[in-house]
Protein backbone atom coordinates (compact mmCIF):
# COMPACT_ATOMS: atom_id res chain seq x y z
CA MET A 1 -0.72 179.93 158.79
CA GLU A 2 2.59 179.31 160.83
CA MET A 3 3.05 181.92 164.01
CA ARG A 4 6.13 182.60 162.52
CA LEU A 5 4.02 185.02 159.76
CA PHE A 6 2.46 186.63 162.46
CA GLU A 7 5.46 187.77 163.71
CA TYR A 8 7.10 189.32 160.73
CA THR A 9 4.45 191.15 160.09
CA VAL A 10 4.59 192.87 163.34
CA GLU A 11 7.93 193.32 163.65
CA ILE A 12 7.29 195.21 159.61
CA TYR A 13 5.31 197.43 161.03
CA GLN A 14 7.02 197.84 164.77
CA GLN A 15 10.21 198.65 163.01
CA GLY A 16 9.14 200.94 159.62
CA SER A 17 11.55 198.96 157.85
CA PHE A 18 12.00 195.64 156.26
CA THR A 19 15.90 195.84 156.43
CA LYS A 20 15.63 197.52 160.56
CA ALA A 21 13.10 193.88 160.87
CA ALA A 22 15.38 191.16 159.35
CA ASP A 23 18.01 192.53 161.59
CA SER A 24 15.87 192.43 165.26
CA LEU A 25 14.75 188.86 163.54
CA HIS A 26 17.84 187.33 163.08
CA ILE A 27 16.69 186.58 159.32
CA ALA A 28 18.54 187.56 155.88
CA GLN A 29 15.92 190.74 154.22
CA PRO A 30 15.60 189.07 151.33
CA SER A 31 14.06 185.71 153.00
CA LEU A 32 11.60 188.34 155.00
CA SER A 33 10.14 190.14 151.80
CA GLN A 34 9.70 186.86 149.74
CA GLN A 35 7.84 185.35 152.98
CA ILE A 36 6.06 188.55 152.89
CA LYS A 37 5.40 188.77 149.68
CA LYS A 38 3.65 184.88 149.28
CA LEU A 39 1.69 186.18 152.78
CA GLU A 40 0.08 188.88 150.65
CA PHE A 41 0.00 186.16 147.78
CA GLU A 42 -2.58 184.06 149.26
CA LEU A 43 -4.34 186.69 151.37
CA GLY A 44 -5.43 188.57 148.51
CA PHE A 45 -3.59 191.92 149.23
CA PRO A 46 -0.46 194.14 150.60
CA LEU A 47 -0.05 194.80 153.75
CA PHE A 48 2.46 197.15 153.64
CA TYR A 49 2.97 200.29 151.41
CA ARG A 50 6.12 200.03 150.39
CA LYS A 51 8.18 202.92 150.01
CA ARG A 52 11.61 205.35 150.36
CA GLY A 53 12.39 205.19 153.33
CA GLY A 54 10.41 203.16 155.30
CA VAL A 55 6.62 201.33 154.86
CA SER A 56 3.35 201.90 156.49
CA PRO A 57 0.66 199.90 156.87
CA THR A 58 -2.20 199.29 154.09
CA PRO A 59 -6.23 199.66 155.62
CA GLN A 60 -6.05 195.88 155.44
CA GLY A 61 -2.57 195.71 156.86
CA LYS A 62 -4.12 197.30 160.35
CA ARG A 63 -6.74 194.85 160.67
CA PHE A 64 -4.35 191.96 159.54
CA ILE A 65 -1.54 193.31 162.28
CA GLN A 66 -4.19 194.33 165.01
CA ARG A 67 -5.44 190.46 164.77
CA ALA A 68 -2.03 189.21 164.77
CA GLN A 69 -0.58 190.94 167.90
CA GLU A 70 -4.08 189.95 169.34
CA MET A 71 -3.25 186.10 168.52
CA LEU A 72 -0.04 186.79 169.42
CA ARG A 73 -0.03 187.96 172.98
CA ALA A 74 -2.24 184.99 173.59
CA ARG A 75 -0.28 182.46 172.13
CA ASP A 76 2.10 184.38 174.77
CA GLU A 77 -0.11 184.00 177.16
CA LEU A 78 -1.13 180.77 177.17
CA LEU A 79 2.16 179.60 177.16
CA ARG A 80 2.86 182.10 180.53
CA GLU A 81 0.03 179.74 182.13
CA MET A 82 1.07 176.26 181.37
CA ARG A 83 5.10 178.20 182.73
CA ASP A 84 3.62 178.87 186.04
CA GLN A 85 1.24 175.75 186.60
CA ARG A 86 4.34 173.70 185.93
CA LEU A 87 6.73 176.22 188.45
CA GLU A 88 4.09 176.46 190.34
CA MET A 89 5.63 180.21 190.93
CA GLY A 90 7.08 181.73 188.09
CA THR A 91 10.25 183.09 187.04
CA GLU A 92 9.56 186.34 186.09
CA LEU A 93 7.31 189.63 187.42
CA SER A 94 7.93 192.72 185.44
CA ILE A 95 6.61 195.50 187.58
CA GLY A 96 5.60 199.21 186.49
CA MET A 97 5.50 202.42 188.27
CA PRO A 98 6.23 206.85 188.28
CA ALA A 99 9.66 206.87 189.20
CA VAL A 100 9.02 208.52 193.16
CA THR A 101 6.38 206.75 194.08
CA GLY A 102 8.15 203.22 193.09
CA ALA A 103 11.23 205.13 194.77
CA TYR A 104 9.15 205.01 198.25
CA LEU A 105 6.53 202.19 198.33
CA LEU A 106 8.62 199.35 195.81
CA PRO A 107 11.81 198.43 198.48
CA PRO A 108 9.03 196.90 201.09
CA LEU A 109 6.97 195.12 199.22
CA LEU A 110 9.84 194.16 197.42
CA LYS A 111 11.67 192.85 200.18
CA ALA A 112 8.86 191.36 202.29
CA PHE A 113 8.19 189.34 198.62
CA LEU A 114 11.66 188.84 197.58
CA ASP A 115 12.52 187.12 201.76
CA LYS A 116 9.92 184.85 200.23
CA HIS A 117 9.68 184.26 196.73
CA PRO A 118 14.05 185.02 196.37
CA ASN A 119 13.94 182.99 192.78
CA VAL A 120 11.79 185.43 191.16
CA HIS A 121 13.30 187.60 188.67
CA VAL A 122 11.52 191.50 189.46
CA GLN A 123 11.99 193.85 186.50
CA LEU A 124 11.09 196.82 186.86
CA ILE A 125 9.75 199.65 184.52
CA GLU A 126 9.16 203.14 185.49
CA GLU A 127 7.56 205.24 182.89
CA SER A 128 4.54 207.90 182.86
CA PRO A 129 0.87 206.16 184.46
CA ALA A 130 -0.12 206.78 180.26
CA VAL A 131 2.45 205.04 179.27
CA LEU A 132 2.52 202.64 181.97
CA GLU A 133 -1.90 201.67 181.81
CA GLU A 134 -1.40 201.22 177.92
CA MET A 135 1.74 198.81 178.33
CA THR A 136 -0.17 196.94 181.55
CA GLU A 137 -3.24 196.18 178.88
CA ASN A 138 -1.46 194.62 176.92
CA GLY A 139 0.09 192.47 178.59
CA GLU A 140 3.46 194.08 178.60
CA ILE A 141 3.32 194.36 182.29
CA ASP A 142 2.61 192.72 184.83
CA LEU A 143 1.02 194.57 187.42
CA SER A 144 1.12 198.52 187.22
CA ILE A 145 1.49 200.71 191.04
CA LEU A 146 -0.88 203.80 189.62
CA PRO A 147 -2.79 206.46 191.68
CA LEU A 148 -6.43 207.14 191.35
CA PRO A 149 -8.26 207.53 188.87
CA ILE A 150 -7.50 205.01 186.17
CA GLU A 151 -8.52 206.27 182.91
CA ASN A 152 -8.31 202.72 181.14
CA GLU A 153 -11.22 201.23 181.95
CA ARG A 154 -10.12 197.98 180.61
CA LEU A 155 -7.31 197.74 183.87
CA ALA A 156 -8.12 195.96 186.73
CA THR A 157 -7.67 197.18 190.24
CA VAL A 158 -6.63 196.43 193.60
CA PRO A 159 -6.14 199.08 195.92
CA ILE A 160 -2.76 199.33 197.94
CA LEU A 161 -3.21 202.74 200.49
CA THR A 162 -4.23 205.54 199.95
CA GLU A 163 -2.50 208.78 202.07
CA PRO A 164 -3.75 212.71 202.35
CA LEU A 165 -3.29 215.72 200.64
CA PHE A 166 -1.02 218.42 201.77
CA LEU A 167 -0.36 221.79 199.71
CA ALA A 168 3.18 222.35 200.10
CA VAL A 169 4.36 226.51 200.09
CA PRO A 170 7.69 228.59 201.17
CA PHE A 171 8.88 228.74 204.36
CA GLU A 172 9.94 231.63 203.97
CA LYS A 173 7.29 234.44 203.10
CA GLN A 174 7.25 235.99 199.39
CA SER A 175 6.40 239.41 197.85
CA TRP A 176 3.22 236.90 195.46
CA MET A 177 1.59 235.61 199.12
CA THR A 178 -2.29 237.21 199.58
CA GLU A 179 -3.08 237.98 202.68
CA LEU A 180 -5.34 234.70 202.97
CA LEU A 181 -2.37 232.44 202.46
CA GLN A 182 0.26 234.11 204.54
CA THR A 183 -2.89 233.87 207.64
CA PHE A 184 -3.18 229.96 207.18
CA ILE A 185 0.38 229.97 206.80
CA TYR A 186 1.41 231.25 209.96
CA SER A 187 -1.28 229.37 212.47
CA VAL A 188 0.74 226.45 210.48
CA ARG A 189 4.00 227.43 211.26
CA ASN A 190 2.13 228.71 215.57
CA GLU A 191 -0.04 224.84 215.25
CA ALA A 192 2.45 221.96 214.00
CA GLU A 193 -0.55 220.44 211.60
CA LYS A 194 -3.26 220.95 213.40
CA THR A 195 -4.69 223.75 211.50
CA ALA A 196 -6.41 222.94 207.81
CA VAL A 197 -5.48 224.75 205.20
CA PRO A 198 -8.94 225.31 202.07
CA LEU A 199 -6.81 224.57 198.45
CA LYS A 200 -8.78 227.80 197.84
CA ALA A 201 -6.00 230.11 199.23
CA ALA A 202 -4.05 229.06 196.38
CA GLU A 203 -6.09 230.38 194.09
CA ALA A 204 -4.51 233.17 193.39
CA VAL A 205 -0.69 232.00 193.72
CA PRO A 206 1.96 230.65 191.36
CA PHE A 207 0.70 226.99 191.26
CA ILE A 208 3.03 223.93 190.90
CA LEU A 209 1.20 220.83 188.48
CA LEU A 210 2.72 217.59 186.60
CA LYS A 211 2.92 217.25 183.92
CA GLU A 212 0.19 215.97 181.56
CA GLY A 213 -0.38 212.06 181.67
CA TYR A 214 0.17 211.93 185.17
CA GLY A 215 -3.32 210.16 187.35
CA PHE A 216 -2.66 212.38 190.26
CA ARG A 217 -2.34 215.84 188.11
CA ARG A 218 -6.00 215.18 187.17
CA THR A 219 -6.56 214.47 191.01
CA VAL A 220 -5.64 217.79 192.23
CA LEU A 221 -7.60 219.73 188.94
CA ASP A 222 -9.63 218.11 190.07
CA LEU A 223 -9.49 219.20 194.26
CA CYS A 224 -8.95 223.02 192.61
CA ALA A 225 -12.37 222.44 190.11
CA GLU A 226 -14.68 221.00 193.19
CA ALA A 227 -12.71 224.09 195.10
CA GLY A 228 -13.88 226.45 193.08
CA PHE A 229 -11.49 227.81 191.00
CA LYS A 230 -9.04 226.90 188.30
CA PRO A 231 -4.88 227.27 189.13
CA ARG A 232 -2.66 229.82 188.38
CA VAL A 233 -0.49 227.98 186.55
CA THR A 234 3.64 228.82 186.25
CA PHE A 235 5.57 225.43 186.45
CA LYS A 236 5.00 222.32 184.98
CA THR A 237 6.95 219.11 185.95
CA SER A 238 6.79 215.16 185.72
CA SER A 239 8.48 214.63 188.48
CA ILE A 240 6.98 215.55 191.82
CA GLU A 241 10.62 215.93 193.75
CA THR A 242 11.16 218.90 191.38
CA ALA A 243 7.65 220.22 192.38
CA GLN A 244 9.14 220.05 195.72
CA SER A 245 12.54 221.75 195.06
CA LEU A 246 10.49 225.03 193.38
CA VAL A 247 8.60 225.52 196.02
CA GLU A 248 11.45 225.29 198.33
CA HIS A 249 13.40 228.05 196.28
CA GLY A 250 10.10 230.35 196.13
CA MET A 251 8.54 229.68 193.20
CA GLY A 252 4.84 228.55 193.95
CA VAL A 253 3.39 225.93 196.42
CA THR A 254 1.81 222.32 194.80
CA VAL A 255 0.01 219.63 196.15
CA VAL A 256 1.51 216.47 197.50
CA PRO A 257 0.32 213.21 199.00
CA ARG A 258 2.09 212.09 202.62
CA MET A 259 4.06 209.48 201.47
CA VAL A 260 6.78 212.26 199.50
CA MET A 261 7.35 214.58 202.37
CA ARG A 262 10.00 216.28 202.59
CA GLU A 263 9.39 216.83 206.71
CA THR A 264 13.57 217.50 208.07
CA SER A 265 13.35 220.78 205.03
CA GLY A 266 13.04 223.21 206.34
CA LYS A 267 11.93 225.37 203.54
CA MET A 268 8.00 224.30 203.59
CA ILE A 269 4.53 224.62 205.55
CA TYR A 270 3.10 221.34 204.34
CA ALA A 271 -0.33 222.40 205.44
CA PRO A 272 -3.92 219.66 205.87
CA LEU A 273 -6.02 220.76 203.77
CA ASP A 274 -9.82 221.08 205.13
CA THR A 275 -11.16 218.73 202.98
CA GLY A 276 -9.27 215.59 204.15
CA SER A 277 -8.34 215.62 200.37
CA SER A 278 -6.80 212.22 199.66
CA ARG A 279 -5.48 210.25 196.32
CA THR A 280 -5.23 206.19 196.38
CA LEU A 281 -2.57 203.58 194.57
CA VAL A 282 -4.14 200.65 194.15
CA PHE A 283 -1.85 197.39 191.55
CA ALA A 284 -3.51 197.67 188.51
CA TYR A 285 -3.72 194.79 185.54
CA SER A 286 -5.14 193.27 182.08
CA GLU A 287 -8.75 192.11 183.09
CA ASN A 288 -7.91 190.63 178.81
CA CYS A 289 -4.36 188.85 180.30
CA TYR A 290 -3.32 185.96 181.86
CA VAL A 291 -2.06 187.26 186.12
CA SER A 292 0.70 185.27 186.92
CA ARG A 293 1.05 183.39 190.73
CA ALA A 294 3.99 185.37 190.88
CA ALA A 295 1.77 188.95 190.65
CA LYS A 296 -1.16 187.49 192.57
CA ALA A 297 1.90 186.24 194.98
CA PHE A 298 2.88 190.05 195.39
CA MET A 299 -0.11 191.22 195.65
CA GLU A 300 -0.87 188.99 198.52
CA ALA A 301 2.39 190.04 200.42
CA THR A 302 1.36 194.03 199.64
CA LYS A 303 -1.54 192.81 201.95
CA LYS A 304 0.33 190.98 204.64
CA MET A 305 2.08 194.16 205.12
CA ASN A 306 1.53 197.05 208.04
CA ARG A 307 0.46 200.08 205.66
CA THR A 308 2.47 202.18 208.53
CA SER A 309 5.91 201.30 206.91
CA PHE A 310 5.30 202.80 203.55
């Protein structure tokens, strides 16, 4: 059975249409249909249900497609490994990261890496952590920069850095502020960052949280649970930057890592949490895929950098 038949079948599944798959594969639609019919005859069962407006896989087709994807990934991994051996250092490196984290963390990492390996072309993929985990597991991305916890147990991790967390509160007094929260905020104003605040102080106030699919959301929810309460969420966003803007305008409080703090804002107070809570960023890569030399070199370059430059 030729490898191209696996490619044809997977492309039809991904496109949901013979016509779209043929366009993507740059072959004639009748020819593609004929090839799949021959394959189905050889297998003894249909791979797809043909219906008006598209196709969907049969139960046997789903299993065939799953195995075909595995074989295509194995082929691509083998070719990449052999290319790495020939070139000593691959020419391509794909890195996934959430947008805000990448904006703060990646520039110094990329500079250090590209100064040493200028011939490597780096592709950056910005997605939510949940999407990045799936893409990394499937080998679509060499490695991703993600916050712990990581839900996918099939991903291996290498620590990058650990940073403290702060409660971000509007500088101006708001009607919704409780007496407990006000007491700590005024203390923080007077003592800079010497006074820590218990997260419990945010129990009864509007809370701004990241949307589902973001690992930092789980971190914050776990911290609230440990403090004995469920936050009163009034806004959900996919961006910590948006969350901070909402805080600046008096819409609630949020928890942020030190990396993203707007220290010159003047519209927010950052109170350290009394539990000394922190978040950890890691490189995540698939245990089942070949880890390229470029990916290994990038992770190694990170280890050698001074963490304070982040």
